[in-house]
Amino acid sequence: MIITSLQNLGFTSYEAKVYVALVRNGNATVSKLHDDSGVPNSAIYGALKKLEKRGIIEFQNTKPMRYRCIPPEDALSKLKNDYAEECDIAFEKLNEIYGESASERTEELIWSISGVRNVTCKVIQMLEGAKKDILILASSTPFRTIAEKHASLKKDYTTIIGILNKKSGDEGVSVRIISSCEDEAKKMNNLIPLATVRVNSLENAQPGFKSFVIVVDNSEMLVDILKDGEGDADLSAVWTNGAEFSATISHLLSAKWELSEKYML
């Protein structure tokens, strides 16, 4: 698990294994690191050089040479700062490139998004950008049930509820939720008191059908479908910010809203 996490931070497999061995020992020679990490001697020197360049290990010029790591808290803090700086640089350059080509993107396109993390990040991004209206249609397996199925979504679910409360409260955004079941309607009504919740039973829906639709400001839309299975690949969505298409779906959902019953405690 720790090796994978370090690799996600940009470490190679060898760098991660050598670093963990060094943390475990406090300080060690190359021979000791080889024994503890399983990394070939020929590769350890390269890994140590990269870790030294990151500024998270130090060496003692003795025979044999000894290496030690700085405290993990300091090391991770440095990695976070370096990562943030690189993100800022990349964002500035990419945003510049994106702006140069924006005038050429005039057609309305629908894009596919795969994976639990990617879909929820897009949902959060959409909700945070809402200025006037958020309209949500949830099937029998909406946010809460999905969060219960995917442990990685529990924090995102809390974030989503927080954003909806902020939007409906401090920012005065209209938040409307159409639920297909009383239980979820009750849950949403309690969690987001200033949202307007209605119930519209999906009696004709196929058994096991699981999805939700989000339309923001009549100009951005996401349709999510939860597939049966395990892992992060079973959540996918389609998204568009095409104004005409989103407005059409919003119109259809608004018609469904009018036919729905207001949830009463």
C-alpha atoms as a PDB file:
ATOM      1  CA  MET A   1       0.000   0.000   0.000  1.00  0.00           C
ATOM      2  CA  ILE A   2       2.721   2.507   0.946  1.00  0.00           C
ATOM      3  CA  ILE A   3       4.742   1.616  -2.157  1.00  0.00           C
ATOM      4  CA  THR A   4       1.696   2.283  -4.341  1.00  0.00           C
ATOM      5  CA  SER A   5       1.015   5.600  -2.593  1.00  0.00           C
ATOM      6  CA  LEU A   6       4.599   6.741  -3.131  1.00  0.00           C
ATOM      7  CA  GLN A   7       4.408   5.705  -6.779  1.00  0.00           C
ATOM      8  CA  ASN A   8       1.263   7.827  -7.095  1.00  0.00           C
ATOM      9  CA  LEU A   9       3.402  10.726  -5.825  1.00  0.00           C
ATOM     10  CA  GLY A  10       5.879  10.192  -8.650  1.00  0.00           C
ATOM     11  CA  PHE A  11       8.345   7.729  -7.139  1.00  0.00           C
ATOM     12  CA  THR A  12       9.526   4.807  -9.249  1.00  0.00           C
ATOM     13  CA  SER A  13       9.088   1.347  -7.741  1.00  0.00           C
ATOM     14  CA  TYR A  14      12.788   1.195  -6.832  1.00  0.00           C
ATOM     15  CA  GLU A  15      12.783   4.685  -5.317  1.00  0.00           C
ATOM     16  CA  ALA A  16       9.726   3.845  -3.206  1.00  0.00           C
ATOM     17  CA  LYS A  17      11.209   0.581  -1.932  1.00  0.00           C
ATOM     18  CA  VAL A  18      14.587   2.150  -1.102  1.00  0.00           C
ATOM     19  CA  TYR A  19      12.910   5.096   0.637  1.00  0.00           C
ATOM     20  CA  VAL A  20      10.691   2.838   2.775  1.00  0.00           C
ATOM     21  CA  ALA A  21      13.736   0.748   3.724  1.00  0.00           C
ATOM     22  CA  LEU A  22      15.578   3.908   4.700  1.00  0.00           C
ATOM     23  CA  VAL A  23      12.649   5.138   6.797  1.00  0.00           C
ATOM     24  CA  ARG A  24      12.516   1.753   8.498  1.00  0.00           C
ATOM     25  CA  ASN A  25      16.243   1.820   9.349  1.00  0.00           C
ATOM     26  CA  GLY A  26      16.720   5.514  10.049  1.00  0.00           C
ATOM     27  CA  ASN A  27      20.129   5.367   8.387  1.00  0.00           C
ATOM     28  CA  ALA A  28      21.775   2.576   6.423  1.00  0.00           C
ATOM     29  CA  THR A  29      24.481   1.552   3.961  1.00  0.00           C
ATOM     30  CA  VAL A  30      23.782   0.492   0.405  1.00  0.00           C
ATOM     31  CA  SER A  31      24.317  -3.126   1.419  1.00  0.00           C
ATOM     32  CA  LYS A  32      21.701  -2.864   4.154  1.00  0.00           C
ATOM     33  CA  LEU A  33      19.249  -1.121   1.840  1.00  0.00           C
ATOM     34  CA  HIS A  34      19.737  -3.885  -0.726  1.00  0.00           C
ATOM     35  CA  ASP A  35      18.954  -6.550   1.885  1.00  0.00           C
ATOM     36  CA  ASP A  36      15.865  -4.749   3.215  1.00  0.00           C
ATOM     37  CA  SER A  37      14.372  -3.460  -0.028  1.00  0.00           C
ATOM     38  CA  GLY A  38      15.194  -6.242  -2.480  1.00  0.00           C
ATOM     39  CA  VAL A  39      16.326  -3.619  -4.996  1.00  0.00           C
ATOM     40  CA  PRO A  40      19.439  -4.697  -6.965  1.00  0.00           C
ATOM     41  CA  ASN A  41      22.679  -2.983  -5.929  1.00  0.00           C
ATOM     42  CA  SER A  42      23.079  -1.643  -9.455  1.00  0.00           C
ATOM     43  CA  ALA A  43      19.746   0.201  -9.165  1.00  0.00           C
ATOM     44  CA  ILE A  44      20.032   1.444  -5.577  1.00  0.00           C
ATOM     45  CA  TYR A  45      22.570   4.162  -6.374  1.00  0.00           C
ATOM     46  CA  GLY A  46      20.302   5.633  -9.040  1.00  0.00           C
ATOM     47  CA  ALA A  47      17.322   5.560  -6.695  1.00  0.00           C
ATOM     48  CA  LEU A  48      19.328   7.235  -3.910  1.00  0.00           C
ATOM     49  CA  LYS A  49      20.496   9.928  -6.320  1.00  0.00           C
ATOM     50  CA  LYS A  50      16.876  10.696  -7.270  1.00  0.00           C
ATOM     51  CA  LEU A  51      15.770  10.765  -3.623  1.00  0.00           C
ATOM     52  CA  GLU A  52      18.675  13.061  -2.772  1.00  0.00           C
ATOM     53  CA  LYS A  53      17.658  15.362  -5.615  1.00  0.00           C
ATOM     54  CA  ARG A  54      14.150  15.508  -4.140  1.00  0.00           C
ATOM     55  CA  GLY A  55      15.759  16.739  -0.928  1.00  0.00           C
ATOM     56  CA  ILE A  56      14.278  14.035   1.291  1.00  0.00           C
ATOM     57  CA  ILE A  57      17.436  12.071   2.141  1.00  0.00           C
ATOM     58  CA  GLU A  58      20.973  12.968   3.222  1.00  0.00           C
ATOM     59  CA  PHE A  59      24.278  11.103   3.022  1.00  0.00           C
ATOM     60  CA  GLN A  60      27.413  10.808   5.128  1.00  0.00           C
ATOM     61  CA  ASN A  61      30.668  10.704   3.170  1.00  0.00           C
ATOM     62  CA  THR A  62      32.171   7.718   4.984  1.00  0.00           C
ATOM     63  CA  LYS A  63      33.383   4.294   3.902  1.00  0.00           C
ATOM     64  CA  PRO A  64      30.991   2.706   3.331  1.00  0.00           C
ATOM     65  CA  MET A  65      28.701   5.678   2.694  1.00  0.00           C
ATOM     66  CA  ARG A  66      25.665   5.941   4.907  1.00  0.00           C
ATOM     67  CA  TYR A  67      22.310   7.441   4.015  1.00  0.00           C
ATOM     68  CA  ARG A  68      19.478   8.709   6.173  1.00  0.00           C
ATOM     69  CA  CYS A  69      16.040  10.169   5.523  1.00  0.00           C
ATOM     70  CA  ILE A  70      14.727  13.420   6.902  1.00  0.00           C
ATOM     71  CA  PRO A  71      11.610  12.993   9.114  1.00  0.00           C
ATOM     72  CA  PRO A  72       8.654  11.742   7.001  1.00  0.00           C
ATOM     73  CA  GLU A  73       6.539  14.739   8.031  1.00  0.00           C
ATOM     74  CA  ASP A  74       9.179  17.116   6.635  1.00  0.00           C
ATOM     75  CA  ALA A  75       9.696  14.958   3.549  1.00  0.00           C
ATOM     76  CA  LEU A  76       5.993  14.820   2.677  1.00  0.00           C
ATOM     77  CA  SER A  77       5.601  18.529   3.360  1.00  0.00           C
ATOM     78  CA  LYS A  78       8.408  19.224   0.900  1.00  0.00           C
ATOM     79  CA  LEU A  79       6.877  16.884  -1.674  1.00  0.00           C
ATOM     80  CA  LYS A  80       3.507  18.637  -1.286  1.00  0.00           C
ATOM     81  CA  ASN A  81       5.099  22.060  -1.798  1.00  0.00           C
ATOM     82  CA  ASP A  82       7.046  20.859  -4.833  1.00  0.00           C
ATOM     83  CA  TYR A  83       3.915  19.237  -6.245  1.00  0.00           C
ATOM     84  CA  ALA A  84       1.875  22.405  -5.686  1.00  0.00           C
ATOM     85  CA  GLU A  85       4.505  24.529  -7.428  1.00  0.00           C
ATOM     86  CA  GLU A  86       4.600  22.175 -10.414  1.00  0.00           C
ATOM     87  CA  CYS A  87       0.796  22.186 -10.555  1.00  0.00           C
ATOM     88  CA  ASP A  88       0.758  26.000 -10.596  1.00  0.00           C
ATOM     89  CA  ILE A  89       3.289  26.094 -13.424  1.00  0.00           C
ATOM     90  CA  ALA A  90       1.459  23.415 -15.408  1.00  0.00           C
ATOM     91  CA  PHE A  91      -1.910  25.110 -14.837  1.00  0.00           C
ATOM     92  CA  GLU A  92      -0.633  28.481 -16.031  1.00  0.00           C
ATOM     93  CA  LYS A  93       0.859  27.041 -19.214  1.00  0.00           C
ATOM     94  CA  LEU A  94      -2.013  24.666 -19.983  1.00  0.00           C
ATOM     95  CA  ASN A  95      -4.619  27.360 -19.328  1.00  0.00           C
ATOM     96  CA  GLU A  96      -2.771  29.626 -21.737  1.00  0.00           C
ATOM     97  CA  ILE A  97      -2.816  26.922 -24.410  1.00  0.00           C
ATOM     98  CA  TYR A  98      -6.460  26.123 -23.660  1.00  0.00           C
ATOM     99  CA  GLY A  99      -7.435  29.781 -23.983  1.00  0.00           C
ATOM    100  CA  GLU A 100      -5.748  30.051 -27.365  1.00  0.00           C
ATOM    101  CA  SER A 101      -7.833  27.205 -28.759  1.00  0.00           C
ATOM    102  CA  ALA A 102     -11.132  28.019 -27.005  1.00  0.00           C
ATOM    103  CA  SER A 103     -12.413  30.141 -29.890  1.00  0.00           C
ATOM    104  CA  GLU A 104     -12.169  27.115 -32.169  1.00  0.00           C
ATOM    105  CA  ARG A 105     -14.435  24.906 -29.990  1.00  0.00           C
ATOM    106  CA  THR A 106     -17.913  25.904 -31.128  1.00  0.00           C
ATOM    107  CA  GLU A 107     -19.692  22.556 -31.658  1.00  0.00           C
ATOM    108  CA  GLU A 108     -21.651  20.955 -28.840  1.00  0.00           C
ATOM    109  CA  LEU A 109     -20.007  17.679 -27.835  1.00  0.00           C
ATOM    110  CA  ILE A 110     -20.764  14.986 -25.290  1.00  0.00           C
ATOM    111  CA  TRP A 111     -17.830  13.535 -23.379  1.00  0.00           C
ATOM    112  CA  SER A 112     -17.489  10.237 -21.502  1.00  0.00           C
ATOM    113  CA  ILE A 113     -15.968  10.030 -18.024  1.00  0.00           C
ATOM    114  CA  SER A 114     -14.953   6.695 -16.456  1.00  0.00           C
ATOM    115  CA  GLY A 115     -14.067   5.772 -12.874  1.00  0.00           C
ATOM    116  CA  VAL A 116     -15.458   6.661  -9.470  1.00  0.00           C
ATOM    117  CA  ARG A 117     -12.884   9.335  -8.667  1.00  0.00           C
ATOM    118  CA  ASN A 118     -13.125  11.050 -12.051  1.00  0.00           C
ATOM    119  CA  VAL A 119     -16.926  11.160 -12.062  1.00  0.00           C
ATOM    120  CA  THR A 120     -17.223  12.552  -8.532  1.00  0.00           C
ATOM    121  CA  CYS A 121     -14.532  15.154  -9.199  1.00  0.00           C
ATOM    122  CA  LYS A 122     -16.584  16.344 -12.193  1.00  0.00           C
ATOM    123  CA  VAL A 123     -19.766  16.438 -10.064  1.00  0.00           C
ATOM    124  CA  ILE A 124     -18.010  18.534  -7.410  1.00  0.00           C
ATOM    125  CA  GLN A 125     -16.595  20.855 -10.080  1.00  0.00           C
ATOM    126  CA  MET A 126     -20.045  21.346 -11.596  1.00  0.00           C
ATOM    127  CA  LEU A 127     -21.760  22.057  -8.288  1.00  0.00           C
ATOM    128  CA  GLU A 128     -19.072  24.513  -7.177  1.00  0.00           C
ATOM    129  CA  GLY A 129     -19.527  26.457 -10.418  1.00  0.00           C
ATOM    130  CA  ALA A 130     -23.310  26.784 -10.111  1.00  0.00           C
ATOM    131  CA  LYS A 131     -24.555  30.382 -10.145  1.00  0.00           C
ATOM    132  CA  LYS A 132     -28.351  30.134 -10.327  1.00  0.00           C
ATOM    133  CA  ASP A 133     -29.833  26.657 -10.400  1.00  0.00           C
ATOM    134  CA  ILE A 134     -28.978  23.030  -9.605  1.00  0.00           C
ATOM    135  CA  LEU A 135     -31.465  20.351 -10.635  1.00  0.00           C
ATOM    136  CA  ILE A 136     -30.838  16.721  -9.674  1.00  0.00           C
ATOM    137  CA  LEU A 137     -32.807  13.626 -10.654  1.00  0.00           C
ATOM    138  CA  ALA A 138     -31.797  10.525  -8.696  1.00  0.00           C
ATOM    139  CA  SER A 139     -32.868   6.942  -9.311  1.00  0.00           C
ATOM    140  CA  SER A 140     -33.157   4.304  -6.618  1.00  0.00           C
ATOM    141  CA  THR A 141     -29.380   4.304  -6.159  1.00  0.00           C
ATOM    142  CA  PRO A 142     -28.346   7.958  -5.796  1.00  0.00           C
ATOM    143  CA  PHE A 143     -25.335   9.571  -4.117  1.00  0.00           C
ATOM    144  CA  ARG A 144     -25.725   8.059  -0.668  1.00  0.00           C
ATOM    145  CA  THR A 145     -26.093   4.472  -1.877  1.00  0.00           C
ATOM    146  CA  ILE A 146     -23.178   4.864  -4.267  1.00  0.00           C
ATOM    147  CA  ALA A 147     -21.075   6.265  -1.428  1.00  0.00           C
ATOM    148  CA  GLU A 148     -21.950   3.246   0.689  1.00  0.00           C
ATOM    149  CA  LYS A 149     -20.883   0.943  -2.147  1.00  0.00           C
ATOM    150  CA  HIS A 150     -17.603   2.747  -2.797  1.00  0.00           C
ATOM    151  CA  ALA A 151     -15.544   3.527   0.311  1.00  0.00           C
ATOM    152  CA  SER A 152     -13.512   6.089  -1.651  1.00  0.00           C
ATOM    153  CA  LEU A 153     -16.679   8.161  -2.169  1.00  0.00           C
ATOM    154  CA  LYS A 154     -17.636   8.701   1.463  1.00  0.00           C
ATOM    155  CA  LYS A 155     -15.515  11.836   1.757  1.00  0.00           C
ATOM    156  CA  ASP A 156     -16.748  13.084  -1.630  1.00  0.00           C
ATOM    157  CA  TYR A 157     -20.356  12.501  -0.574  1.00  0.00           C
ATOM    158  CA  THR A 158     -19.799  14.703   2.489  1.00  0.00           C
ATOM    159  CA  THR A 159     -18.185  17.326   0.234  1.00  0.00           C
ATOM    160  CA  ILE A 160     -21.148  17.249  -2.168  1.00  0.00           C
ATOM    161  CA  ILE A 161     -23.654  17.722   0.669  1.00  0.00           C
ATOM    162  CA  GLY A 162     -21.562  20.616   1.999  1.00  0.00           C
ATOM    163  CA  ILE A 163     -21.490  22.326  -1.400  1.00  0.00           C
ATOM    164  CA  LEU A 164     -25.265  21.928  -1.858  1.00  0.00           C
ATOM    165  CA  ASN A 165     -25.860  23.481   1.572  1.00  0.00           C
ATOM    166  CA  LYS A 166     -23.518  26.369   0.787  1.00  0.00           C
ATOM    167  CA  LYS A 167     -25.137  26.967  -2.592  1.00  0.00           C
ATOM    168  CA  SER A 168     -28.706  26.819  -1.290  1.00  0.00           C
ATOM    169  CA  GLY A 169     -27.851  28.903   1.780  1.00  0.00           C
ATOM    170  CA  ASP A 170     -25.056  31.466   1.534  1.00  0.00           C
ATOM    171  CA  GLU A 171     -25.110  31.840  -2.256  1.00  0.00           C
ATOM    172  CA  GLY A 172     -28.867  31.725  -2.849  1.00  0.00           C
ATOM    173  CA  VAL A 173     -28.690  29.123  -5.610  1.00  0.00           C
ATOM    174  CA  SER A 174     -31.908  27.200  -6.251  1.00  0.00           C
ATOM    175  CA  VAL A 175     -31.278  23.534  -5.410  1.00  0.00           C
ATOM    176  CA  ARG A 176     -34.000  21.135  -6.564  1.00  0.00           C
ATOM    177  CA  ILE A 177     -33.837  17.387  -6.056  1.00  0.00           C
ATOM    178  CA  ILE A 178     -36.191  14.830  -7.582  1.00  0.00           C
ATOM    179  CA  SER A 179     -35.902  11.490  -5.819  1.00  0.00           C
ATOM    180  CA  SER A 180     -37.472   8.205  -6.873  1.00  0.00           C
ATOM    181  CA  CYS A 181     -37.982   6.965  -3.315  1.00  0.00           C
ATOM    182  CA  GLU A 182     -39.281   8.321  -0.024  1.00  0.00           C
ATOM    183  CA  ASP A 183     -36.262   7.153   1.985  1.00  0.00           C
ATOM    184  CA  GLU A 184     -33.795   9.118  -0.108  1.00  0.00           C
ATOM    185  CA  ALA A 185     -36.095  12.144  -0.219  1.00  0.00           C
ATOM    186  CA  LYS A 186     -36.221  12.144   3.577  1.00  0.00           C
ATOM    187  CA  LYS A 187     -32.434  11.834   3.775  1.00  0.00           C
ATOM    188  CA  MET A 188     -31.880  14.722   1.348  1.00  0.00           C
ATOM    189  CA  ASN A 189     -34.466  16.883   3.093  1.00  0.00           C
ATOM    190  CA  ASN A 190     -32.667  16.423   6.414  1.00  0.00           C
ATOM    191  CA  LEU A 191     -29.154  16.896   5.032  1.00  0.00           C
ATOM    192  CA  ILE A 192     -29.962  19.911   2.812  1.00  0.00           C
ATOM    193  CA  PRO A 193     -32.770  21.798   4.607  1.00  0.00           C
ATOM    194  CA  LEU A 194     -32.906  24.710   2.131  1.00  0.00           C
ATOM    195  CA  ALA A 195     -33.144  22.481  -0.930  1.00  0.00           C
ATOM    196  CA  THR A 196     -36.573  21.720  -2.382  1.00  0.00           C
ATOM    197  CA  VAL A 197     -37.104  17.981  -2.540  1.00  0.00           C
ATOM    198  CA  ARG A 198     -39.777  16.176  -4.545  1.00  0.00           C
ATOM    199  CA  VAL A 199     -40.601  12.514  -5.090  1.00  0.00           C
ATOM    200  CA  ASN A 200     -41.311  10.948  -8.464  1.00  0.00           C
ATOM    201  CA  SER A 201     -41.545   7.162  -8.337  1.00  0.00           C
ATOM    202  CA  LEU A 202     -39.833   5.346 -11.198  1.00  0.00           C
ATOM    203  CA  GLU A 203     -42.378   2.542 -11.327  1.00  0.00           C
ATOM    204  CA  ASN A 204     -41.590   1.623 -14.920  1.00  0.00           C
ATOM    205  CA  ALA A 205     -37.827   1.631 -14.494  1.00  0.00           C
ATOM    206  CA  GLN A 206     -35.993  -1.631 -15.056  1.00  0.00           C
ATOM    207  CA  PRO A 207     -35.008  -3.487 -11.866  1.00  0.00           C
ATOM    208  CA  GLY A 208     -31.533  -2.523 -10.755  1.00  0.00           C
ATOM    209  CA  PHE A 209     -31.468   0.635 -12.874  1.00  0.00           C
ATOM    210  CA  LYS A 210     -29.137   3.050 -11.146  1.00  0.00           C
ATOM    211  CA  SER A 211     -28.361   6.560 -12.306  1.00  0.00           C
ATOM    212  CA  PHE A 212     -28.607  10.251 -11.588  1.00  0.00           C
ATOM    213  CA  VAL A 213     -28.742  13.394 -13.709  1.00  0.00           C
ATOM    214  CA  ILE A 214     -27.396  16.815 -12.736  1.00  0.00           C
ATOM    215  CA  VAL A 215     -28.125  19.996 -14.675  1.00  0.00           C
ATOM    216  CA  VAL A 216     -26.420  23.227 -13.623  1.00  0.00           C
ATOM    217  CA  ASP A 217     -27.636  26.661 -14.762  1.00  0.00           C
ATOM    218  CA  ASN A 218     -29.333  25.096 -17.808  1.00  0.00           C
ATOM    219  CA  SER A 219     -25.926  25.003 -19.474  1.00  0.00           C
ATOM    220  CA  GLU A 220     -24.029  22.005 -18.091  1.00  0.00           C
ATOM    221  CA  MET A 221     -25.227  18.443 -17.648  1.00  0.00           C
ATOM    222  CA  LEU A 222     -23.942  15.113 -16.338  1.00  0.00           C
ATOM    223  CA  VAL A 223     -25.678  11.742 -16.605  1.00  0.00           C
ATOM    224  CA  ASP A 224     -24.218   8.985 -14.440  1.00  0.00           C
ATOM    225  CA  ILE A 225     -24.782   5.239 -14.672  1.00  0.00           C
ATOM    226  CA  LEU A 226     -23.615   2.809 -12.014  1.00  0.00           C
ATOM    227  CA  LYS A 227     -22.760  -0.621 -13.390  1.00  0.00           C
ATOM    228  CA  ASP A 228     -22.891  -3.769 -11.343  1.00  0.00           C
ATOM    229  CA  GLY A 229     -19.447  -4.898 -10.248  1.00  0.00           C
ATOM    230  CA  GLU A 230     -16.619  -3.996  -7.969  1.00  0.00           C
ATOM    231  CA  GLY A 231     -13.812  -1.468  -8.191  1.00  0.00           C
ATOM    232  CA  ASP A 232     -13.398   2.071  -9.438  1.00  0.00           C
ATOM    233  CA  ALA A 233     -14.177   1.280 -13.082  1.00  0.00           C
ATOM    234  CA  ASP A 234     -17.894   0.554 -12.591  1.00  0.00           C
ATOM    235  CA  LEU A 235     -18.981   4.190 -12.354  1.00  0.00           C
ATOM    236  CA  SER A 236     -19.197   6.125 -15.607  1.00  0.00           C
ATOM    237  CA  ALA A 237     -20.899   9.250 -16.878  1.00  0.00           C
ATOM    238  CA  VAL A 238     -21.473  11.432 -19.900  1.00  0.00           C
ATOM    239  CA  TRP A 239     -21.023  15.197 -19.598  1.00  0.00           C
ATOM    240  CA  THR A 240     -21.632  18.194 -21.799  1.00  0.00           C
ATOM    241  CA  ASN A 241     -21.578  21.952 -21.455  1.00  0.00           C
ATOM    242  CA  GLY A 242     -23.410  22.389 -24.738  1.00  0.00           C
ATOM    243  CA  ALA A 243     -25.987  25.048 -23.878  1.00  0.00           C
ATOM    244  CA  GLU A 244     -28.715  23.880 -26.273  1.00  0.00           C
ATOM    245  CA  PHE A 245     -28.530  20.212 -25.312  1.00  0.00           C
ATOM    246  CA  SER A 246     -28.310  20.964 -21.588  1.00  0.00           C
ATOM    247  CA  ALA A 247     -31.227  23.385 -21.820  1.00  0.00           C
ATOM    248  CA  THR A 248     -33.320  20.713 -23.551  1.00  0.00           C
ATOM    249  CA  ILE A 249     -32.623  18.159 -20.808  1.00  0.00           C
ATOM    250  CA  SER A 250     -33.269  20.822 -18.186  1.00  0.00           C
ATOM    251  CA  HIS A 251     -36.638  21.546 -19.787  1.00  0.00           C
ATOM    252  CA  LEU A 252     -37.558  17.844 -19.671  1.00  0.00           C
ATOM    253  CA  LEU A 253     -36.474  17.548 -16.037  1.00  0.00           C
ATOM    254  CA  SER A 254     -38.394  20.695 -15.145  1.00  0.00           C
ATOM    255  CA  ALA A 255     -41.498  19.094 -16.647  1.00  0.00           C
ATOM    256  CA  LYS A 256     -40.836  16.029 -14.483  1.00  0.00           C
ATOM    257  CA  TRP A 257     -40.352  18.377 -11.529  1.00  0.00           C
ATOM    258  CA  GLU A 258     -43.816  19.837 -12.057  1.00  0.00           C
ATOM    259  CA  LEU A 259     -45.319  16.332 -12.096  1.00  0.00           C
ATOM    260  CA  SER A 260     -43.519  15.294  -8.923  1.00  0.00           C
ATOM    261  CA  GLU A 261     -44.956  15.529  -5.429  1.00  0.00           C
ATOM    262  CA  LYS A 262     -43.356  17.788  -2.865  1.00  0.00           C
ATOM    263  CA  TYR A 263     -41.791  15.743  -0.110  1.00  0.00           C
ATOM    264  CA  MET A 264     -43.618  16.255   3.171  1.00  0.00           C
ATOM    265  CA  LEU A 265     -42.254  15.295   6.582  1.00  0.00           C
END
